C-alpha cells in the first residue's frame, strides 16, 4: 500500500484470509486507510471483492479492524453501521424504487443526506426512473441508483466495487466528480476497487493486489 498523507479512518492490523485450498489473499497484512479516495487495484480475480467484504466486516476475518475508533471485534454492529457496502448485482432491493433503495441501504447508519441524494440522482440522470422499481431498470440504471445511495450515505467507510461498470460516459464523468467532492471530509474514506488505474481521481492512497 502506498503511504497515506492523511490521518487514517480505517486501521487494519494483521489481517489474514484464505479460501480453502487456495493461496492466502492476506497474511498478517496491516494498512492505514486515510480519509479521501483509496484505490484498491488488481486484475480480475485477484481478490478485490473479497477484500472489500473483509473490510466491510461481512466475511469472517482473522485480524483487527478499527474504523473511526470502533473496533470490529469489540462491537461488530457499531462497526458495520459505519460502513456502506452492498454486493454489486444484489437483488435484495429489486422491488424498491431508487429513493426507497437509498433509505433501505442506509437504514443501519441513519445518515442519508437527502439533499445530496437528490443531487446525485439528478447527476446520474435517474429522474425519469424514480417511480420505477429497480427490477424494471437497466443494469446501468440500477448501478446508478446504488451509487447515488452510496455517495449520499455519509458513512465513515464507503466501499465501491468496479463502480464504473455498466455506466455510460456521462455518468462515469459525473461519478468521478462526485467522488472527488465526497472525499473531502476528514472523517470519510472511500475505497474504490478497480482493475483500472483511475487517473481521473485524486487518490489519497493505493492498495495493490496481490498484497505484500
N, C-alpha and C. Protein backbone atom coordinates (compact mmCIF):
# COMPACT_ATOMS: atom_id res chain seq x y z
N UNK A 1 0.86 -1.20 0.00
CA UNK A 1 0.00 0.00 0.00
C UNK A 1 0.89 1.24 0.00
N UNK A 2 0.53 2.25 -0.80
CA UNK A 2 1.28 3.50 -0.77
C UNK A 2 1.06 4.17 0.57
N UNK A 3 2.04 4.93 1.03
CA UNK A 3 1.95 5.60 2.32
C UNK A 3 0.96 6.74 2.25
N UNK A 4 -0.11 6.73 3.06
CA UNK A 4 -1.10 7.80 3.02
C UNK A 4 -0.55 9.07 3.65
N UNK A 5 -0.99 10.22 3.13
CA UNK A 5 -0.56 11.50 3.67
C UNK A 5 -1.58 12.09 4.63
N UNK A 6 -2.76 11.47 4.74
CA UNK A 6 -3.80 11.96 5.61
C UNK A 6 -4.00 10.99 6.78
N UNK A 7 -4.65 11.47 7.84
CA UNK A 7 -4.88 10.65 9.02
C UNK A 7 -5.74 9.45 8.66
N UNK A 8 -5.49 8.29 9.28
CA UNK A 8 -6.27 7.09 8.94
C UNK A 8 -7.69 7.15 9.48
N UNK A 9 -8.63 6.70 8.68
CA UNK A 9 -10.01 6.49 9.11
C UNK A 9 -10.19 5.04 9.52
N UNK A 10 -9.60 4.14 8.73
CA UNK A 10 -9.65 2.71 8.98
C UNK A 10 -8.24 2.19 9.22
N UNK A 11 -8.06 1.41 10.28
CA UNK A 11 -6.79 0.77 10.54
C UNK A 11 -6.97 -0.75 10.49
N UNK A 12 -6.13 -1.40 9.71
CA UNK A 12 -6.16 -2.85 9.55
C UNK A 12 -4.88 -3.40 10.16
N UNK A 13 -5.02 -4.36 11.05
CA UNK A 13 -3.86 -4.93 11.72
C UNK A 13 -3.87 -6.46 11.60
N UNK A 14 -2.81 -6.99 11.04
CA UNK A 14 -2.56 -8.44 10.99
C UNK A 14 -3.73 -9.22 10.39
N UNK A 15 -4.27 -8.71 9.31
CA UNK A 15 -5.39 -9.38 8.65
C UNK A 15 -4.88 -10.58 7.85
N UNK A 16 -5.51 -11.72 8.06
CA UNK A 16 -5.16 -12.94 7.32
C UNK A 16 -6.44 -13.57 6.79
N UNK A 17 -6.36 -14.05 5.54
CA UNK A 17 -7.53 -14.70 4.95
C UNK A 17 -7.11 -15.57 3.77
N UNK A 18 -7.72 -16.74 3.69
CA UNK A 18 -7.52 -17.62 2.53
C UNK A 18 -8.75 -18.50 2.38
N UNK A 19 -9.17 -18.70 1.14
CA UNK A 19 -10.20 -19.70 0.88
C UNK A 19 -9.57 -21.09 0.99
N UNK A 20 -10.37 -22.11 1.31
CA UNK A 20 -9.83 -23.46 1.41
C UNK A 20 -9.11 -23.88 0.12
N UNK A 21 -7.92 -24.43 0.31
CA UNK A 21 -7.11 -24.95 -0.80
C UNK A 21 -6.72 -23.87 -1.80
N UNK A 22 -6.69 -22.61 -1.36
CA UNK A 22 -6.29 -21.50 -2.22
C UNK A 22 -5.14 -20.73 -1.55
N UNK A 23 -4.30 -20.07 -2.35
CA UNK A 23 -3.27 -19.22 -1.75
C UNK A 23 -3.90 -18.12 -0.90
N UNK A 24 -3.20 -17.70 0.10
CA UNK A 24 -3.72 -16.66 1.00
C UNK A 24 -3.88 -15.34 0.27
N UNK A 25 -5.04 -14.71 0.45
CA UNK A 25 -5.22 -13.36 -0.05
C UNK A 25 -4.43 -12.37 0.80
N UNK A 26 -4.44 -12.61 2.11
CA UNK A 26 -3.72 -11.76 3.05
C UNK A 26 -3.09 -12.62 4.13
N UNK A 27 -1.88 -12.27 4.52
CA UNK A 27 -1.18 -12.99 5.59
C UNK A 27 -0.56 -11.96 6.53
N UNK A 28 -1.28 -11.68 7.62
CA UNK A 28 -0.85 -10.69 8.61
C UNK A 28 -0.59 -9.33 7.94
N UNK A 29 -1.54 -8.94 7.11
CA UNK A 29 -1.44 -7.66 6.38
C UNK A 29 -1.97 -6.52 7.24
N UNK A 30 -1.23 -5.44 7.29
CA UNK A 30 -1.65 -4.25 8.03
C UNK A 30 -1.64 -3.05 7.10
N UNK A 31 -2.58 -2.13 7.33
CA UNK A 31 -2.67 -0.93 6.49
C UNK A 31 -3.42 0.15 7.25
N UNK A 32 -3.19 1.38 6.83
CA UNK A 32 -3.90 2.54 7.36
C UNK A 32 -4.60 3.21 6.18
N UNK A 33 -5.92 3.13 6.16
CA UNK A 33 -6.70 3.71 5.06
C UNK A 33 -7.10 5.13 5.46
N UNK A 34 -6.61 6.13 4.72
CA UNK A 34 -6.83 7.51 5.13
C UNK A 34 -8.16 8.06 4.64
N UNK A 35 -8.48 9.25 5.12
CA UNK A 35 -9.61 9.99 4.55
C UNK A 35 -9.31 10.26 3.09
N UNK A 36 -10.36 10.36 2.29
CA UNK A 36 -10.19 10.56 0.86
C UNK A 36 -10.43 9.27 0.11
N UNK A 37 -9.94 9.23 -1.12
CA UNK A 37 -10.17 8.08 -2.00
C UNK A 37 -8.94 7.18 -2.01
N UNK A 38 -9.16 5.91 -1.71
CA UNK A 38 -8.12 4.89 -1.82
C UNK A 38 -8.48 3.96 -2.97
N UNK A 39 -7.56 3.76 -3.88
CA UNK A 39 -7.75 2.82 -4.98
C UNK A 39 -7.31 1.43 -4.55
N UNK A 40 -8.21 0.46 -4.67
CA UNK A 40 -7.86 -0.95 -4.48
C UNK A 40 -7.68 -1.53 -5.87
N UNK A 41 -6.43 -1.72 -6.27
CA UNK A 41 -6.11 -2.06 -7.65
C UNK A 41 -5.64 -3.51 -7.77
N UNK A 42 -6.18 -4.19 -8.78
CA UNK A 42 -5.75 -5.55 -9.05
C UNK A 42 -6.46 -6.09 -10.27
N UNK A 43 -5.90 -7.11 -10.87
CA UNK A 43 -6.50 -7.73 -12.04
C UNK A 43 -7.80 -8.44 -11.65
N UNK A 44 -8.60 -8.76 -12.65
CA UNK A 44 -9.80 -9.55 -12.42
C UNK A 44 -9.43 -10.88 -11.78
N UNK A 45 -10.14 -11.23 -10.70
CA UNK A 45 -9.84 -12.47 -9.99
C UNK A 45 -8.75 -12.38 -8.96
N UNK A 46 -8.22 -11.18 -8.72
CA UNK A 46 -7.12 -11.03 -7.77
C UNK A 46 -7.58 -10.96 -6.32
N UNK A 47 -8.89 -10.82 -6.10
CA UNK A 47 -9.40 -10.80 -4.73
C UNK A 47 -9.93 -9.46 -4.27
N UNK A 48 -10.18 -8.54 -5.18
CA UNK A 48 -10.66 -7.21 -4.79
C UNK A 48 -11.99 -7.29 -4.04
N UNK A 49 -12.94 -8.02 -4.60
CA UNK A 49 -14.27 -8.11 -3.96
C UNK A 49 -14.17 -8.77 -2.59
N UNK A 50 -13.35 -9.79 -2.48
CA UNK A 50 -13.18 -10.47 -1.19
C UNK A 50 -12.60 -9.52 -0.15
N UNK A 51 -11.61 -8.74 -0.55
CA UNK A 51 -11.01 -7.81 0.40
C UNK A 51 -12.02 -6.75 0.83
N UNK A 52 -12.87 -6.29 -0.08
CA UNK A 52 -13.92 -5.35 0.31
C UNK A 52 -14.85 -5.96 1.34
N UNK A 53 -15.23 -7.22 1.16
CA UNK A 53 -16.09 -7.89 2.13
C UNK A 53 -15.41 -7.98 3.50
N UNK A 54 -14.13 -8.25 3.49
CA UNK A 54 -13.39 -8.34 4.75
C UNK A 54 -13.36 -6.99 5.44
N UNK A 55 -13.10 -5.92 4.69
CA UNK A 55 -13.08 -4.58 5.28
C UNK A 55 -14.46 -4.16 5.76
N UNK A 56 -15.49 -4.64 5.09
CA UNK A 56 -16.86 -4.31 5.48
C UNK A 56 -17.30 -5.06 6.72
N UNK A 57 -16.60 -6.14 7.06
CA UNK A 57 -16.98 -6.94 8.20
C UNK A 57 -18.11 -7.90 7.91
N UNK A 58 -18.36 -8.19 6.63
CA UNK A 58 -19.43 -9.12 6.27
C UNK A 58 -18.90 -10.52 6.02
N UNK A 59 -17.60 -10.69 6.03
CA UNK A 59 -16.98 -12.00 5.85
C UNK A 59 -16.03 -12.23 7.02
N UNK A 60 -16.03 -13.43 7.54
CA UNK A 60 -15.22 -13.75 8.70
C UNK A 60 -13.77 -13.35 8.47
N UNK A 61 -13.22 -12.62 9.42
CA UNK A 61 -11.88 -12.08 9.25
C UNK A 61 -11.01 -12.44 10.45
N UNK A 62 -9.77 -12.76 10.18
CA UNK A 62 -8.76 -13.00 11.22
C UNK A 62 -7.85 -11.79 11.22
N UNK A 63 -7.99 -10.98 12.23
CA UNK A 63 -7.21 -9.74 12.30
C UNK A 63 -8.02 -8.69 13.03
N UNK A 64 -7.54 -7.48 13.02
CA UNK A 64 -8.17 -6.40 13.78
C UNK A 64 -8.52 -5.24 12.84
N UNK A 65 -9.80 -4.85 12.85
CA UNK A 65 -10.28 -3.73 12.06
C UNK A 65 -10.79 -2.65 13.01
N UNK A 66 -10.30 -1.43 12.84
CA UNK A 66 -10.73 -0.32 13.68
C UNK A 66 -11.14 0.84 12.78
N UNK A 67 -12.40 1.23 12.86
CA UNK A 67 -12.95 2.26 11.99
C UNK A 67 -13.49 3.41 12.84
N UNK A 68 -12.89 4.59 12.66
CA UNK A 68 -13.33 5.74 13.44
C UNK A 68 -13.30 5.50 14.92
N UNK A 69 -12.32 4.72 15.38
CA UNK A 69 -12.18 4.42 16.80
C UNK A 69 -12.99 3.23 17.27
N UNK A 70 -13.81 2.63 16.40
CA UNK A 70 -14.63 1.48 16.76
C UNK A 70 -13.95 0.21 16.27
N UNK A 71 -13.65 -0.70 17.19
CA UNK A 71 -13.01 -1.96 16.86
C UNK A 71 -14.08 -2.99 16.49
N UNK A 72 -13.91 -3.65 15.36
CA UNK A 72 -14.89 -4.64 14.90
C UNK A 72 -15.08 -5.74 15.92
N UNK A 73 -14.00 -6.24 16.50
CA UNK A 73 -14.11 -7.34 17.47
C UNK A 73 -14.94 -6.93 18.69
N UNK A 74 -14.80 -5.68 19.12
CA UNK A 74 -15.50 -5.23 20.32
C UNK A 74 -16.97 -4.96 20.07
N UNK A 75 -17.30 -4.41 18.88
CA UNK A 75 -18.69 -4.04 18.59
C UNK A 75 -18.94 -4.14 17.09
N UNK A 76 -19.16 -5.36 16.57
CA UNK A 76 -19.32 -5.53 15.13
C UNK A 76 -20.52 -4.78 14.56
N UNK A 77 -21.60 -4.66 15.31
CA UNK A 77 -22.77 -3.95 14.80
C UNK A 77 -22.48 -2.47 14.64
N UNK A 78 -21.82 -1.87 15.61
CA UNK A 78 -21.47 -0.45 15.51
C UNK A 78 -20.50 -0.22 14.36
N UNK A 79 -19.58 -1.16 14.17
CA UNK A 79 -18.63 -1.05 13.05
C UNK A 79 -19.38 -1.07 11.73
N UNK A 80 -20.27 -2.04 11.56
CA UNK A 80 -20.97 -2.18 10.27
C UNK A 80 -21.89 -1.00 10.00
N UNK A 81 -22.41 -0.36 11.05
CA UNK A 81 -23.26 0.82 10.84
C UNK A 81 -22.48 1.99 10.24
N UNK A 82 -21.15 1.92 10.34
CA UNK A 82 -20.32 2.99 9.80
C UNK A 82 -19.82 2.70 8.38
N UNK A 83 -20.29 1.59 7.82
CA UNK A 83 -19.80 1.14 6.51
C UNK A 83 -20.94 1.11 5.50
N UNK A 84 -20.70 1.63 4.31
CA UNK A 84 -21.64 1.42 3.19
C UNK A 84 -21.02 0.38 2.28
N UNK A 85 -21.67 -0.78 2.21
CA UNK A 85 -21.23 -1.86 1.33
C UNK A 85 -22.43 -2.73 0.96
N UNK A 86 -22.65 -2.88 -0.33
CA UNK A 86 -23.64 -3.81 -0.84
C UNK A 86 -23.04 -4.49 -2.07
N UNK A 87 -23.28 -5.77 -2.18
CA UNK A 87 -22.72 -6.54 -3.29
C UNK A 87 -23.25 -6.00 -4.63
N UNK A 88 -22.39 -5.75 -5.60
CA UNK A 88 -22.87 -5.38 -6.92
C UNK A 88 -23.76 -6.48 -7.49
N UNK A 89 -24.85 -6.08 -8.09
CA UNK A 89 -25.75 -7.07 -8.68
C UNK A 89 -26.71 -7.71 -7.71
N UNK A 90 -26.71 -7.27 -6.44
CA UNK A 90 -27.64 -7.85 -5.49
C UNK A 90 -29.08 -7.62 -5.92
N UNK A 91 -29.95 -8.60 -5.66
CA UNK A 91 -31.37 -8.44 -5.98
C UNK A 91 -32.20 -8.12 -4.74
N UNK A 92 -31.52 -7.80 -3.65
CA UNK A 92 -32.21 -7.56 -2.38
C UNK A 92 -33.15 -6.35 -2.44
N UNK A 93 -32.89 -5.43 -3.36
CA UNK A 93 -33.68 -4.20 -3.42
C UNK A 93 -34.54 -4.12 -4.68
N UNK A 94 -34.73 -5.24 -5.36
CA UNK A 94 -35.38 -5.24 -6.66
C UNK A 94 -36.77 -4.64 -6.65
N UNK A 95 -37.50 -4.78 -5.57
CA UNK A 95 -38.88 -4.29 -5.51
C UNK A 95 -38.98 -2.82 -5.13
N UNK A 96 -37.84 -2.19 -4.85
CA UNK A 96 -37.84 -0.81 -4.37
C UNK A 96 -37.56 0.17 -5.49
N UNK A 97 -38.05 1.39 -5.31
CA UNK A 97 -37.68 2.48 -6.20
C UNK A 97 -36.29 2.98 -5.81
N UNK A 98 -35.62 3.77 -6.67
CA UNK A 98 -34.30 4.30 -6.29
C UNK A 98 -34.32 5.06 -4.97
N UNK A 99 -35.37 5.82 -4.71
CA UNK A 99 -35.43 6.57 -3.45
C UNK A 99 -35.58 5.64 -2.26
N UNK A 100 -36.43 4.64 -2.40
CA UNK A 100 -36.61 3.67 -1.32
C UNK A 100 -35.35 2.84 -1.12
N UNK A 101 -34.65 2.56 -2.21
CA UNK A 101 -33.37 1.87 -2.10
C UNK A 101 -32.40 2.64 -1.23
N UNK A 102 -32.31 3.94 -1.45
CA UNK A 102 -31.39 4.75 -0.67
C UNK A 102 -31.71 4.68 0.82
N UNK A 103 -33.00 4.76 1.15
CA UNK A 103 -33.40 4.67 2.57
C UNK A 103 -33.06 3.31 3.15
N UNK A 104 -33.34 2.24 2.39
CA UNK A 104 -33.08 0.89 2.88
C UNK A 104 -31.59 0.61 2.99
N UNK A 105 -30.82 1.04 2.00
CA UNK A 105 -29.39 0.77 2.00
C UNK A 105 -28.66 1.53 3.09
N UNK A 106 -29.23 2.64 3.53
CA UNK A 106 -28.59 3.47 4.56
C UNK A 106 -29.31 3.36 5.91
N UNK A 107 -30.21 2.39 6.03
CA UNK A 107 -31.03 2.29 7.25
C UNK A 107 -30.19 2.08 8.50
N UNK A 108 -29.15 1.27 8.41
CA UNK A 108 -28.34 0.99 9.59
C UNK A 108 -27.58 2.21 10.08
N UNK A 109 -27.03 2.97 9.13
CA UNK A 109 -26.24 4.14 9.53
C UNK A 109 -27.11 5.33 9.87
N UNK A 110 -28.32 5.41 9.28
CA UNK A 110 -29.25 6.52 9.53
C UNK A 110 -28.58 7.87 9.27
N UNK A 111 -27.76 7.93 8.19
CA UNK A 111 -27.05 9.18 7.90
C UNK A 111 -27.29 9.64 6.47
N UNK A 112 -28.33 9.16 5.83
CA UNK A 112 -28.58 9.54 4.45
C UNK A 112 -28.82 11.04 4.34
N UNK A 113 -28.05 11.69 3.47
CA UNK A 113 -28.19 13.11 3.20
C UNK A 113 -29.19 13.26 2.05
N UNK A 114 -30.41 13.68 2.38
CA UNK A 114 -31.48 13.75 1.37
C UNK A 114 -31.13 14.71 0.23
N UNK A 115 -30.59 15.86 0.56
CA UNK A 115 -30.24 16.83 -0.48
C UNK A 115 -29.15 16.29 -1.39
N UNK A 116 -28.17 15.61 -0.79
CA UNK A 116 -27.09 15.03 -1.58
C UNK A 116 -27.63 13.92 -2.48
N UNK A 117 -28.55 13.09 -1.94
CA UNK A 117 -29.12 12.03 -2.77
C UNK A 117 -29.84 12.61 -3.98
N UNK A 118 -30.64 13.66 -3.77
CA UNK A 118 -31.34 14.30 -4.87
C UNK A 118 -30.36 14.81 -5.92
N UNK A 119 -29.28 15.41 -5.45
CA UNK A 119 -28.26 15.94 -6.37
C UNK A 119 -27.62 14.83 -7.18
N UNK A 120 -27.32 13.72 -6.54
CA UNK A 120 -26.68 12.61 -7.25
C UNK A 120 -27.66 11.91 -8.19
N UNK A 121 -28.91 11.79 -7.78
CA UNK A 121 -29.92 11.21 -8.67
C UNK A 121 -30.05 12.04 -9.94
N UNK A 122 -30.03 13.34 -9.80
CA UNK A 122 -30.08 14.22 -10.97
C UNK A 122 -28.81 14.09 -11.79
N UNK A 123 -27.67 14.04 -11.11
CA UNK A 123 -26.39 13.95 -11.82
C UNK A 123 -26.26 12.68 -12.64
N UNK A 124 -26.84 11.59 -12.14
CA UNK A 124 -26.80 10.31 -12.85
C UNK A 124 -27.95 10.15 -13.85
N UNK A 125 -28.81 11.17 -13.95
CA UNK A 125 -29.92 11.08 -14.90
C UNK A 125 -31.01 10.11 -14.50
N UNK A 126 -31.21 9.96 -13.20
CA UNK A 126 -32.20 9.00 -12.71
C UNK A 126 -33.62 9.56 -12.60
N UNK A 127 -33.78 10.85 -12.78
CA UNK A 127 -35.06 11.47 -12.52
C UNK A 127 -36.24 10.84 -13.27
N UNK A 128 -36.09 10.43 -14.55
CA UNK A 128 -37.23 9.80 -15.24
C UNK A 128 -37.58 8.42 -14.68
N UNK A 129 -36.73 7.86 -13.82
CA UNK A 129 -36.93 6.49 -13.35
C UNK A 129 -37.28 6.38 -11.87
N UNK A 130 -37.50 7.51 -11.21
CA UNK A 130 -37.67 7.48 -9.76
C UNK A 130 -38.94 6.76 -9.32
N UNK A 131 -39.91 6.64 -10.19
CA UNK A 131 -41.16 5.97 -9.83
C UNK A 131 -41.13 4.47 -10.13
N UNK A 132 -40.03 3.99 -10.71
CA UNK A 132 -39.96 2.60 -11.14
C UNK A 132 -39.24 1.75 -10.09
N UNK A 133 -39.65 0.49 -9.98
CA UNK A 133 -38.91 -0.46 -9.15
C UNK A 133 -37.61 -0.84 -9.86
N UNK A 134 -36.62 -1.22 -9.07
CA UNK A 134 -35.31 -1.49 -9.65
C UNK A 134 -35.33 -2.60 -10.69
N UNK A 135 -36.20 -3.60 -10.49
CA UNK A 135 -36.21 -4.71 -11.44
C UNK A 135 -36.64 -4.26 -12.84
N UNK A 136 -37.24 -3.08 -12.94
CA UNK A 136 -37.68 -2.55 -14.22
C UNK A 136 -36.57 -1.78 -14.93
N UNK A 137 -35.46 -1.54 -14.25
CA UNK A 137 -34.40 -0.70 -14.79
C UNK A 137 -33.30 -1.51 -15.44
N UNK A 138 -32.53 -0.85 -16.29
CA UNK A 138 -31.36 -1.47 -16.90
C UNK A 138 -30.28 -1.68 -15.85
N UNK A 139 -29.29 -2.50 -16.20
CA UNK A 139 -28.17 -2.74 -15.28
C UNK A 139 -27.48 -1.44 -14.94
N UNK A 140 -27.29 -0.59 -15.93
CA UNK A 140 -26.63 0.69 -15.68
C UNK A 140 -27.41 1.58 -14.74
N UNK A 141 -28.73 1.65 -14.93
CA UNK A 141 -29.56 2.49 -14.05
C UNK A 141 -29.63 1.94 -12.63
N UNK A 142 -29.64 0.63 -12.52
CA UNK A 142 -29.59 0.02 -11.18
C UNK A 142 -28.28 0.39 -10.49
N UNK A 143 -27.19 0.34 -11.24
CA UNK A 143 -25.89 0.70 -10.68
C UNK A 143 -25.89 2.16 -10.24
N UNK A 144 -26.49 3.03 -11.04
CA UNK A 144 -26.56 4.46 -10.69
C UNK A 144 -27.36 4.67 -9.41
N UNK A 145 -28.45 3.95 -9.26
CA UNK A 145 -29.28 4.09 -8.06
C UNK A 145 -28.48 3.72 -6.81
N UNK A 146 -27.70 2.65 -6.89
CA UNK A 146 -26.89 2.26 -5.74
C UNK A 146 -25.77 3.27 -5.49
N UNK A 147 -25.19 3.79 -6.54
CA UNK A 147 -24.11 4.77 -6.38
C UNK A 147 -24.64 6.06 -5.76
N UNK A 148 -25.83 6.49 -6.16
CA UNK A 148 -26.42 7.69 -5.56
C UNK A 148 -26.59 7.49 -4.06
N UNK A 149 -27.04 6.29 -3.66
CA UNK A 149 -27.19 5.99 -2.23
C UNK A 149 -25.83 5.98 -1.54
N UNK A 150 -24.85 5.37 -2.17
CA UNK A 150 -23.51 5.28 -1.57
C UNK A 150 -22.91 6.66 -1.35
N UNK A 151 -23.00 7.50 -2.35
CA UNK A 151 -22.41 8.83 -2.26
C UNK A 151 -23.09 9.69 -1.21
N UNK A 152 -24.40 9.49 -1.03
CA UNK A 152 -25.16 10.29 -0.08
C UNK A 152 -25.22 9.67 1.31
N UNK A 153 -24.58 8.53 1.49
CA UNK A 153 -24.71 7.79 2.75
C UNK A 153 -24.03 8.47 3.93
N UNK A 154 -22.96 9.20 3.68
CA UNK A 154 -22.23 9.83 4.77
C UNK A 154 -21.50 8.87 5.66
N UNK A 155 -21.37 7.61 5.26
CA UNK A 155 -20.69 6.63 6.09
C UNK A 155 -19.19 6.91 6.19
N UNK A 156 -18.62 6.54 7.32
CA UNK A 156 -17.18 6.74 7.50
C UNK A 156 -16.37 5.96 6.47
N UNK A 157 -16.87 4.78 6.08
CA UNK A 157 -16.19 3.95 5.10
C UNK A 157 -17.18 3.55 4.02
N UNK A 158 -16.91 3.96 2.79
CA UNK A 158 -17.73 3.59 1.64
C UNK A 158 -16.89 2.71 0.72
N UNK A 159 -17.42 1.53 0.40
CA UNK A 159 -16.69 0.55 -0.40
C UNK A 159 -17.41 0.35 -1.73
N UNK A 160 -16.70 0.60 -2.82
CA UNK A 160 -17.28 0.52 -4.16
C UNK A 160 -16.50 -0.47 -5.00
N UNK A 161 -17.21 -1.41 -5.59
CA UNK A 161 -16.59 -2.48 -6.38
C UNK A 161 -16.82 -2.21 -7.87
N UNK A 162 -15.77 -1.83 -8.58
CA UNK A 162 -15.84 -1.51 -10.02
C UNK A 162 -17.05 -0.62 -10.30
N UNK A 163 -17.11 0.57 -9.68
CA UNK A 163 -18.33 1.39 -9.76
C UNK A 163 -18.65 1.90 -11.16
N UNK A 164 -17.66 1.98 -12.05
CA UNK A 164 -17.93 2.49 -13.40
C UNK A 164 -18.51 1.43 -14.32
N UNK A 165 -18.58 0.19 -13.86
CA UNK A 165 -19.11 -0.88 -14.69
C UNK A 165 -20.55 -0.61 -15.11
N UNK A 166 -20.86 -0.78 -16.39
CA UNK A 166 -22.20 -0.63 -16.98
C UNK A 166 -22.67 0.81 -17.05
N UNK A 167 -21.81 1.78 -16.74
CA UNK A 167 -22.20 3.19 -16.81
C UNK A 167 -21.85 3.78 -18.17
N UNK A 168 -22.67 4.74 -18.60
CA UNK A 168 -22.37 5.48 -19.82
C UNK A 168 -21.31 6.54 -19.51
N UNK A 169 -20.75 7.12 -20.57
CA UNK A 169 -19.62 8.05 -20.41
C UNK A 169 -19.99 9.25 -19.54
N UNK A 170 -21.19 9.80 -19.73
CA UNK A 170 -21.59 10.97 -18.95
C UNK A 170 -21.71 10.62 -17.47
N UNK A 171 -22.23 9.44 -17.18
CA UNK A 171 -22.38 9.02 -15.79
C UNK A 171 -21.04 8.74 -15.14
N UNK A 172 -20.09 8.20 -15.90
CA UNK A 172 -18.74 7.98 -15.37
C UNK A 172 -18.10 9.31 -15.02
N UNK A 173 -18.25 10.30 -15.91
CA UNK A 173 -17.68 11.62 -15.64
C UNK A 173 -18.30 12.22 -14.38
N UNK A 174 -19.61 12.05 -14.22
CA UNK A 174 -20.26 12.57 -13.02
C UNK A 174 -19.77 11.82 -11.78
N UNK A 175 -19.61 10.51 -11.89
CA UNK A 175 -19.15 9.72 -10.76
C UNK A 175 -17.80 10.20 -10.25
N UNK A 176 -16.85 10.41 -11.16
CA UNK A 176 -15.53 10.87 -10.73
C UNK A 176 -15.62 12.24 -10.04
N UNK A 177 -16.43 13.13 -10.59
CA UNK A 177 -16.60 14.46 -9.99
C UNK A 177 -17.23 14.35 -8.60
N UNK A 178 -18.25 13.51 -8.48
CA UNK A 178 -18.94 13.35 -7.20
C UNK A 178 -18.05 12.70 -6.16
N UNK A 179 -17.27 11.70 -6.57
CA UNK A 179 -16.35 11.05 -5.63
C UNK A 179 -15.34 12.04 -5.09
N UNK A 180 -14.83 12.88 -5.96
CA UNK A 180 -13.86 13.90 -5.55
C UNK A 180 -14.45 14.78 -4.46
N UNK A 181 -15.70 15.21 -4.63
CA UNK A 181 -16.35 16.07 -3.64
C UNK A 181 -16.67 15.32 -2.35
N UNK A 182 -17.12 14.07 -2.48
CA UNK A 182 -17.49 13.29 -1.29
C UNK A 182 -16.29 12.92 -0.44
N UNK A 183 -15.10 12.93 -1.02
CA UNK A 183 -13.91 12.51 -0.30
C UNK A 183 -13.26 13.64 0.49
N UNK A 184 -13.86 14.82 0.49
CA UNK A 184 -13.24 15.96 1.16
C UNK A 184 -13.31 15.91 2.69
N UNK A 185 -14.39 15.41 3.30
CA UNK A 185 -14.43 15.40 4.78
C UNK A 185 -13.27 14.61 5.39
N UNK A 186 -12.71 15.08 6.48
CA UNK A 186 -11.54 14.42 7.08
C UNK A 186 -11.86 13.13 7.80
N UNK A 187 -13.15 12.78 7.92
CA UNK A 187 -13.54 11.56 8.63
C UNK A 187 -14.20 10.55 7.71
N UNK A 188 -14.01 10.70 6.39
CA UNK A 188 -14.65 9.78 5.44
C UNK A 188 -13.62 9.17 4.49
N UNK A 189 -13.62 7.85 4.42
CA UNK A 189 -12.73 7.12 3.49
C UNK A 189 -13.58 6.40 2.46
N UNK A 190 -13.18 6.48 1.22
CA UNK A 190 -13.87 5.80 0.12
C UNK A 190 -12.86 4.90 -0.57
N UNK A 191 -13.13 3.61 -0.57
CA UNK A 191 -12.25 2.63 -1.22
C UNK A 191 -12.90 2.19 -2.52
N UNK A 192 -12.20 2.42 -3.63
CA UNK A 192 -12.72 2.09 -4.96
C UNK A 192 -11.90 0.94 -5.52
N UNK A 193 -12.54 -0.22 -5.67
CA UNK A 193 -11.87 -1.37 -6.26
C UNK A 193 -11.99 -1.29 -7.78
N UNK A 194 -10.86 -1.41 -8.46
CA UNK A 194 -10.87 -1.27 -9.91
C UNK A 194 -9.67 -1.98 -10.52
N UNK A 195 -9.88 -2.53 -11.71
CA UNK A 195 -8.76 -3.09 -12.46
C UNK A 195 -8.06 -2.03 -13.29
N UNK A 196 -8.64 -0.82 -13.33
CA UNK A 196 -8.02 0.33 -14.00
C UNK A 196 -7.35 1.22 -12.97
N UNK A 197 -6.45 2.08 -13.45
CA UNK A 197 -5.69 2.94 -12.54
C UNK A 197 -6.46 4.16 -12.05
N UNK A 198 -7.50 4.58 -12.76
CA UNK A 198 -8.34 5.71 -12.35
C UNK A 198 -7.54 7.00 -12.18
N UNK A 199 -6.86 7.37 -13.24
CA UNK A 199 -6.04 8.58 -13.20
C UNK A 199 -6.88 9.84 -13.03
N UNK A 200 -8.19 9.75 -13.28
CA UNK A 200 -9.06 10.93 -13.17
C UNK A 200 -9.34 11.30 -11.71
N UNK A 201 -9.00 10.42 -10.78
CA UNK A 201 -9.32 10.67 -9.38
C UNK A 201 -8.08 11.10 -8.59
N UNK A 202 -8.24 12.06 -7.67
CA UNK A 202 -7.15 12.42 -6.77
C UNK A 202 -7.09 11.41 -5.63
N UNK A 203 -6.09 10.55 -5.63
CA UNK A 203 -6.03 9.46 -4.68
C UNK A 203 -5.25 9.83 -3.43
N UNK A 204 -5.78 9.42 -2.29
CA UNK A 204 -5.06 9.59 -1.02
C UNK A 204 -4.11 8.43 -0.79
N UNK A 205 -4.43 7.26 -1.37
CA UNK A 205 -3.59 6.07 -1.18
C UNK A 205 -3.98 5.02 -2.22
N UNK A 206 -3.16 4.01 -2.37
CA UNK A 206 -3.43 2.89 -3.27
C UNK A 206 -3.07 1.59 -2.57
N UNK A 207 -3.96 0.61 -2.67
CA UNK A 207 -3.70 -0.75 -2.21
C UNK A 207 -3.55 -1.61 -3.44
N UNK A 208 -2.41 -2.29 -3.56
CA UNK A 208 -2.12 -3.12 -4.72
C UNK A 208 -2.32 -4.60 -4.37
N UNK A 209 -3.02 -5.30 -5.24
CA UNK A 209 -3.14 -6.75 -5.12
C UNK A 209 -2.25 -7.41 -6.17
N UNK A 210 -1.55 -8.51 -5.81
CA UNK A 210 -1.62 -9.19 -4.50
C UNK A 210 -0.97 -8.36 -3.39
N UNK A 211 -1.47 -8.57 -2.17
CA UNK A 211 -0.95 -7.84 -1.03
C UNK A 211 0.46 -8.29 -0.70
N UNK A 212 1.29 -7.37 -0.29
CA UNK A 212 2.68 -7.68 0.09
C UNK A 212 2.85 -7.62 1.59
